[in-house]
Amino acid sequence: MYLIQVVLPRYDRNGAPQPRELFQDIQRELLERFGGMTAYRRVSEGRWESDGNGAAHDELVVCEVITNELDREWWASYRHALAKKFLQKQLVVMSMVIDPL
């Protein structure tokens, strides 16, 4: 089993909130494809160096799914499509092996 996390920015590059519909569409897509999903809407903050211009930050939304199979090709394509929708150079999508207890 795998836990997949999709990390999404709540605000665009100009500081404006991302359209709510973007998040709703992603949640619907993940629900339909995987039969369930969880979105963490609490405020999280990421910090990183931005092209030598000092630290940049954004509030984040994390969407998670659990799946038995890891289709790396599909996830890579989905990550690329999400980056375009959110006008980002790249987004983080990561997987972790789950060992149910």
Foldseek 3Di string as FASTA:
>chain_A
DKKKKWKDFQAAPVRHGQDPVLVVVVQVVCCVVQVDKDKDPDWDKDWDDDPVPDIDMTTIIMMIGDDPDDDPVVVVVVQVVSCVSRVHPGTDMDMDDDDDD
